[in-house]
PDB file of all heavy atoms in Angstrom:
ATOM      1  N   LEU A   1      11.068  -2.548  15.966  1.00  0.00           N
ATOM      2  CA  LEU A   1      10.364  -3.074  14.837  1.00  0.00           C
ATOM      3  C   LEU A   1      11.289  -3.888  13.971  1.00  0.00           C
ATOM      4  O   LEU A   1      12.349  -3.423  13.552  1.00  0.00           O
ATOM      5  CB  LEU A   1       9.736  -1.919  14.060  1.00  0.00           C
ATOM      6  CG  LEU A   1       9.045  -2.307  12.741  1.00  0.00           C
ATOM      7  CD1 LEU A   1       7.785  -3.113  13.002  1.00  0.00           C
ATOM      8  CD2 LEU A   1       8.717  -1.027  11.955  1.00  0.00           C
ATOM      9  N   ASP A   2      10.929  -5.151  13.704  1.00  0.00           N
ATOM     10  CA  ASP A   2      11.676  -5.955  12.780  1.00  0.00           C
ATOM     11  C   ASP A   2      11.497  -5.365  11.367  1.00  0.00           C
ATOM     12  O   ASP A   2      10.394  -5.308  10.843  1.00  0.00           O
ATOM     13  CB  ASP A   2      11.137  -7.402  12.785  1.00  0.00           C
ATOM     14  CG  ASP A   2      11.926  -8.354  11.869  1.00  0.00           C
ATOM     15  OD1 ASP A   2      12.637  -7.831  10.983  1.00  0.00           O
ATOM     16  OD2 ASP A   2      11.776  -9.557  12.040  1.00  0.00           O
ATOM     17  N   PRO A   3      12.574  -4.873  10.753  1.00  0.00           N
ATOM     18  CA  PRO A   3      12.463  -4.195   9.455  1.00  0.00           C
ATOM     19  C   PRO A   3      11.879  -5.067   8.385  1.00  0.00           C
ATOM     20  O   PRO A   3      11.263  -4.592   7.402  1.00  0.00           O
ATOM     21  CB  PRO A   3      13.877  -3.759   9.118  1.00  0.00           C
ATOM     22  CG  PRO A   3      14.760  -4.661   9.958  1.00  0.00           C
ATOM     23  CD  PRO A   3      13.977  -4.961  11.188  1.00  0.00           C
ATOM     24  N   GLN A   4      12.047  -6.387   8.461  1.00  0.00           N
ATOM     25  CA  GLN A   4      11.514  -7.272   7.435  1.00  0.00           C
ATOM     26  C   GLN A   4       9.969  -7.283   7.387  1.00  0.00           C
ATOM     27  O   GLN A   4       9.383  -7.478   6.345  1.00  0.00           O
ATOM     28  CB  GLN A   4      12.037  -8.717   7.646  1.00  0.00           C
ATOM     29  CG  GLN A   4      13.527  -8.861   7.436  1.00  0.00           C
ATOM     30  CD  GLN A   4      13.964  -8.469   6.004  1.00  0.00           C
ATOM     31  OE1 GLN A   4      13.317  -8.825   5.042  1.00  0.00           O
ATOM     32  NE2 GLN A   4      14.988  -7.669   5.951  1.00  0.00           N
ATOM     33  N   SER A   5       9.370  -7.026   8.590  1.00  0.00           N
ATOM     34  CA  SER A   5       7.914  -7.054   8.587  1.00  0.00           C
ATOM     35  C   SER A   5       7.338  -5.860   7.842  1.00  0.00           C
ATOM     36  O   SER A   5       6.208  -5.891   7.371  1.00  0.00           O
ATOM     37  CB  SER A   5       7.396  -7.076  10.027  1.00  0.00           C
ATOM     38  OG  SER A   5       7.702  -5.841  10.713  1.00  0.00           O
ATOM     39  N   VAL A   6       8.125  -4.767   7.738  1.00  0.00           N
ATOM     40  CA  VAL A   6       7.669  -3.614   6.990  1.00  0.00           C
ATOM     41  C   VAL A   6       7.626  -3.935   5.491  1.00  0.00           C
ATOM     42  O   VAL A   6       6.730  -3.499   4.753  1.00  0.00           O
ATOM     43  CB  VAL A   6       8.591  -2.411   7.241  1.00  0.00           C
ATOM     44  CG1 VAL A   6       8.121  -1.182   6.435  1.00  0.00           C
ATOM     45  CG2 VAL A   6       8.602  -2.064   8.727  1.00  0.00           C
ATOM     46  N   LEU A   7       8.570  -4.781   5.063  1.00  0.00           N
ATOM     47  CA  LEU A   7       8.670  -5.091   3.627  1.00  0.00           C
ATOM     48  C   LEU A   7       7.602  -6.067   3.191  1.00  0.00           C
ATOM     49  O   LEU A   7       7.229  -6.096   2.041  1.00  0.00           O
ATOM     50  CB  LEU A   7      10.062  -5.654   3.331  1.00  0.00           C
ATOM     51  CG  LEU A   7      11.242  -4.746   3.592  1.00  0.00           C
ATOM     52  CD1 LEU A   7      12.554  -5.511   3.350  1.00  0.00           C
ATOM     53  CD2 LEU A   7      11.187  -3.496   2.770  1.00  0.00           C
ATOM     54  N   THR A   8       7.130  -6.897   4.099  1.00  0.00           N
ATOM     55  CA  THR A   8       6.224  -7.976   3.689  1.00  0.00           C
ATOM     56  C   THR A   8       4.762  -7.684   4.045  1.00  0.00           C
ATOM     57  O   THR A   8       3.882  -8.465   3.704  1.00  0.00           O
ATOM     58  CB  THR A   8       6.587  -9.288   4.373  1.00  0.00           C
ATOM     59  OG1 THR A   8       6.597  -9.089   5.802  1.00  0.00           O
ATOM     60  CG2 THR A   8       8.004  -9.716   3.974  1.00  0.00           C
ATOM     61  N   THR A   9       4.443  -6.572   4.684  1.00  0.00           N
ATOM     62  CA  THR A   9       3.090  -6.298   5.104  1.00  0.00           C
ATOM     63  C   THR A   9       2.545  -5.056   4.443  1.00  0.00           C
ATOM     64  O   THR A   9       3.131  -3.995   4.567  1.00  0.00           O
ATOM     65  CB  THR A   9       3.007  -6.075   6.642  1.00  0.00           C
ATOM     66  OG1 THR A   9       3.579  -7.229   7.314  1.00  0.00           O
ATOM     67  CG2 THR A   9       1.588  -5.896   7.111  1.00  0.00           C
ATOM     68  N   ALA A  10       1.480  -5.195   3.661  1.00  0.00           N
ATOM     69  CA  ALA A  10       0.848  -4.066   2.997  1.00  0.00           C
ATOM     70  C   ALA A  10      -0.522  -3.828   3.654  1.00  0.00           C
ATOM     71  O   ALA A  10      -1.319  -4.752   3.754  1.00  0.00           O
ATOM     72  CB  ALA A  10       0.666  -4.329   1.501  1.00  0.00           C
ATOM     73  N   ARG A  11      -0.766  -2.585   4.095  1.00  0.00           N
ATOM     74  CA  ARG A  11      -2.009  -2.282   4.755  1.00  0.00           C
ATOM     75  C   ARG A  11      -2.681  -1.096   4.026  1.00  0.00           C
ATOM     76  O   ARG A  11      -2.772  -0.004   4.560  1.00  0.00           O
ATOM     77  CB  ARG A  11      -1.787  -1.937   6.239  1.00  0.00           C
ATOM     78  CG  ARG A  11      -1.265  -3.072   7.080  1.00  0.00           C
ATOM     79  CD  ARG A  11      -1.231  -2.678   8.534  1.00  0.00           C
ATOM     80  NE  ARG A  11      -0.543  -1.440   8.740  1.00  0.00           N
ATOM     81  CZ  ARG A  11      -0.983  -0.438   9.489  1.00  0.00           C
ATOM     82  NH1 ARG A  11      -2.147  -0.527  10.101  1.00  0.00           N
ATOM     83  NH2 ARG A  11      -0.289   0.659   9.613  1.00  0.00           N
ATOM     84  N   LEU A  12      -3.035  -1.340   2.801  1.00  0.00           N
ATOM     85  CA  LEU A  12      -3.642  -0.270   2.038  1.00  0.00           C
ATOM     86  C   LEU A  12      -5.160  -0.410   2.045  1.00  0.00           C
ATOM     87  O   LEU A  12      -5.702  -1.507   1.904  1.00  0.00           O
ATOM     88  CB  LEU A  12      -3.160  -0.290   0.592  1.00  0.00           C
ATOM     89  CG  LEU A  12      -1.663  -0.035   0.381  1.00  0.00           C
ATOM     90  CD1 LEU A  12      -1.309  -0.107  -1.102  1.00  0.00           C
ATOM     91  CD2 LEU A  12      -1.260   1.336   0.945  1.00  0.00           C
ATOM     92  N   SER A  13      -5.836   0.704   2.230  1.00  0.00           N
ATOM     93  CA  SER A  13      -7.291   0.680   2.143  1.00  0.00           C
ATOM     94  C   SER A  13      -7.721   0.713   0.727  1.00  0.00           C
ATOM     95  O   SER A  13      -6.935   0.944  -0.196  1.00  0.00           O
ATOM     96  CB  SER A  13      -7.849   1.907   2.902  1.00  0.00           C
ATOM     97  OG  SER A  13      -7.498   3.114   2.234  1.00  0.00           O
ATOM     98  N   VAL A  14      -9.027   0.501   0.468  1.00  0.00           N
ATOM     99  CA  VAL A  14      -9.568   0.566  -0.860  1.00  0.00           C
ATOM    100  C   VAL A  14      -9.318   1.977  -1.464  1.00  0.00           C
ATOM    101  O   VAL A  14      -8.966   2.091  -2.615  1.00  0.00           O
ATOM    102  CB  VAL A  14     -11.083   0.249  -0.859  1.00  0.00           C
ATOM    103  CG1 VAL A  14     -11.699   0.588  -2.221  1.00  0.00           C
ATOM    104  CG2 VAL A  14     -11.312  -1.228  -0.548  1.00  0.00           C
ATOM    105  N   SER A  15      -9.579   3.003  -0.680  1.00  0.00           N
ATOM    106  CA  SER A  15      -9.407   4.364  -1.231  1.00  0.00           C
ATOM    107  C   SER A  15      -7.961   4.647  -1.582  1.00  0.00           C
ATOM    108  O   SER A  15      -7.672   5.362  -2.535  1.00  0.00           O
ATOM    109  CB  SER A  15      -9.930   5.399  -0.215  1.00  0.00           C
ATOM    110  OG  SER A  15      -9.280   5.308   1.027  1.00  0.00           O
ATOM    111  N   GLU A  16      -6.987   4.079  -0.808  1.00  0.00           N
ATOM    112  CA  GLU A  16      -5.585   4.290  -1.139  1.00  0.00           C
ATOM    113  C   GLU A  16      -5.197   3.561  -2.428  1.00  0.00           C
ATOM    114  O   GLU A  16      -4.512   4.163  -3.278  1.00  0.00           O
ATOM    115  CB  GLU A  16      -4.708   3.803   0.023  1.00  0.00           C
ATOM    116  CG  GLU A  16      -4.783   4.690   1.255  1.00  0.00           C
ATOM    117  CD  GLU A  16      -4.176   4.085   2.494  1.00  0.00           C
ATOM    118  OE1 GLU A  16      -4.093   2.835   2.566  1.00  0.00           O
ATOM    119  OE2 GLU A  16      -3.777   4.850   3.389  1.00  0.00           O
ATOM    120  N   VAL A  17      -5.660   2.316  -2.617  1.00  0.00           N
ATOM    121  CA  VAL A  17      -5.391   1.583  -3.848  1.00  0.00           C
ATOM    122  C   VAL A  17      -6.109   2.306  -5.006  1.00  0.00           C
ATOM    123  O   VAL A  17      -5.539   2.480  -6.080  1.00  0.00           O
ATOM    124  CB  VAL A  17      -5.852   0.152  -3.789  1.00  0.00           C
ATOM    125  CG1 VAL A  17      -5.712  -0.576  -5.106  1.00  0.00           C
ATOM    126  CG2 VAL A  17      -5.069  -0.616  -2.692  1.00  0.00           C
ATOM    127  N   PHE A  18      -7.325   2.794  -4.769  1.00  0.00           N
ATOM    128  CA  PHE A  18      -8.070   3.489  -5.779  1.00  0.00           C
ATOM    129  C   PHE A  18      -7.345   4.774  -6.212  1.00  0.00           C
ATOM    130  O   PHE A  18      -7.208   5.085  -7.395  1.00  0.00           O
ATOM    131  CB  PHE A  18      -9.445   3.845  -5.227  1.00  0.00           C
ATOM    132  CG  PHE A  18     -10.369   4.586  -6.168  1.00  0.00           C
ATOM    133  CD1 PHE A  18     -10.656   4.035  -7.435  1.00  0.00           C
ATOM    134  CD2 PHE A  18     -10.959   5.783  -5.818  1.00  0.00           C
ATOM    135  CE1 PHE A  18     -11.513   4.705  -8.305  1.00  0.00           C
ATOM    136  CE2 PHE A  18     -11.839   6.438  -6.691  1.00  0.00           C
ATOM    137  CZ  PHE A  18     -12.106   5.901  -7.924  1.00  0.00           C
ATOM    138  N   ALA A  19      -6.751   5.490  -5.231  1.00  0.00           N
ATOM    139  CA  ALA A  19      -6.051   6.723  -5.515  1.00  0.00           C
ATOM    140  C   ALA A  19      -4.805   6.412  -6.395  1.00  0.00           C
ATOM    141  O   ALA A  19      -4.481   7.151  -7.325  1.00  0.00           O
ATOM    142  CB  ALA A  19      -5.603   7.389  -4.214  1.00  0.00           C
ATOM    143  N   LEU A  20      -4.088   5.320  -6.080  1.00  0.00           N
ATOM    144  CA  LEU A  20      -2.929   4.931  -6.859  1.00  0.00           C
ATOM    145  C   LEU A  20      -3.353   4.591  -8.294  1.00  0.00           C
ATOM    146  O   LEU A  20      -2.685   5.014  -9.270  1.00  0.00           O
ATOM    147  CB  LEU A  20      -2.239   3.746  -6.203  1.00  0.00           C
ATOM    148  CG  LEU A  20      -1.478   4.016  -4.917  1.00  0.00           C
ATOM    149  CD1 LEU A  20      -1.042   2.731  -4.280  1.00  0.00           C
ATOM    150  CD2 LEU A  20      -0.300   4.909  -5.145  1.00  0.00           C
ATOM    151  N   ILE A  21      -4.396   3.809  -8.419  1.00  0.00           N
ATOM    152  CA  ILE A  21      -4.829   3.385  -9.750  1.00  0.00           C
ATOM    153  C   ILE A  21      -5.272   4.533 -10.615  1.00  0.00           C
ATOM    154  O   ILE A  21      -4.878   4.683 -11.776  1.00  0.00           O
ATOM    155  CB  ILE A  21      -5.940   2.326  -9.667  1.00  0.00           C
ATOM    156  CG1 ILE A  21      -5.424   1.046  -9.071  1.00  0.00           C
ATOM    157  CG2 ILE A  21      -6.622   2.088 -11.028  1.00  0.00           C
ATOM    158  CD1 ILE A  21      -6.482  -0.001  -8.800  1.00  0.00           C
ATOM    159  N   ILE A  22      -6.058   5.439 -10.055  1.00  0.00           N
ATOM    160  CA  ILE A  22      -6.541   6.577 -10.896  1.00  0.00           C
ATOM    161  C   ILE A  22      -5.430   7.558 -11.182  1.00  0.00           C
ATOM    162  O   ILE A  22      -5.412   8.164 -12.246  1.00  0.00           O
ATOM    163  CB  ILE A  22      -7.745   7.290 -10.209  1.00  0.00           C
ATOM    164  CG1 ILE A  22      -7.374   7.883  -8.813  1.00  0.00           C
ATOM    165  CG2 ILE A  22      -8.925   6.359 -10.091  1.00  0.00           C
ATOM    166  CD1 ILE A  22      -8.515   8.618  -8.189  1.00  0.00           C
ATOM    167  N   SER A  23      -4.435   7.649 -10.293  1.00  0.00           N
ATOM    168  CA  SER A  23      -3.299   8.555 -10.567  1.00  0.00           C
ATOM    169  C   SER A  23      -2.449   7.972 -11.714  1.00  0.00           C
ATOM    170  O   SER A  23      -2.102   8.715 -12.624  1.00  0.00           O
ATOM    171  CB  SER A  23      -2.438   8.684  -9.312  1.00  0.00           C
ATOM    172  OG  SER A  23      -3.135   9.289  -8.266  1.00  0.00           O
ATOM    173  N   VAL A  24      -2.203   6.677 -11.691  1.00  0.00           N
ATOM    174  CA  VAL A  24      -1.462   6.050 -12.775  1.00  0.00           C
ATOM    175  C   VAL A  24      -2.224   6.173 -14.088  1.00  0.00           C
ATOM    176  O   VAL A  24      -1.676   6.481 -15.145  1.00  0.00           O
ATOM    177  CB  VAL A  24      -1.144   4.593 -12.425  1.00  0.00           C
ATOM    178  CG1 VAL A  24      -0.592   3.843 -13.667  1.00  0.00           C
ATOM    179  CG2 VAL A  24      -0.133   4.508 -11.320  1.00  0.00           C
ATOM    180  N   SER A  25      -3.532   5.908 -14.033  1.00  0.00           N
ATOM    181  CA  SER A  25      -4.357   5.954 -15.217  1.00  0.00           C
ATOM    182  C   SER A  25      -4.453   7.348 -15.803  1.00  0.00           C
ATOM    183  O   SER A  25      -4.426   7.536 -17.015  1.00  0.00           O
ATOM    184  CB  SER A  25      -5.790   5.448 -14.905  1.00  0.00           C
ATOM    185  OG  SER A  25      -5.775   4.101 -14.429  1.00  0.00           O
TER     186      SER A  25
END
């Protein structure tokens, strides 16, 4: 695995982003 591709690719689902937002809030 090219390590740079890990840094530039985000594969978050809506529920994962939602979980992050509500946790921060």
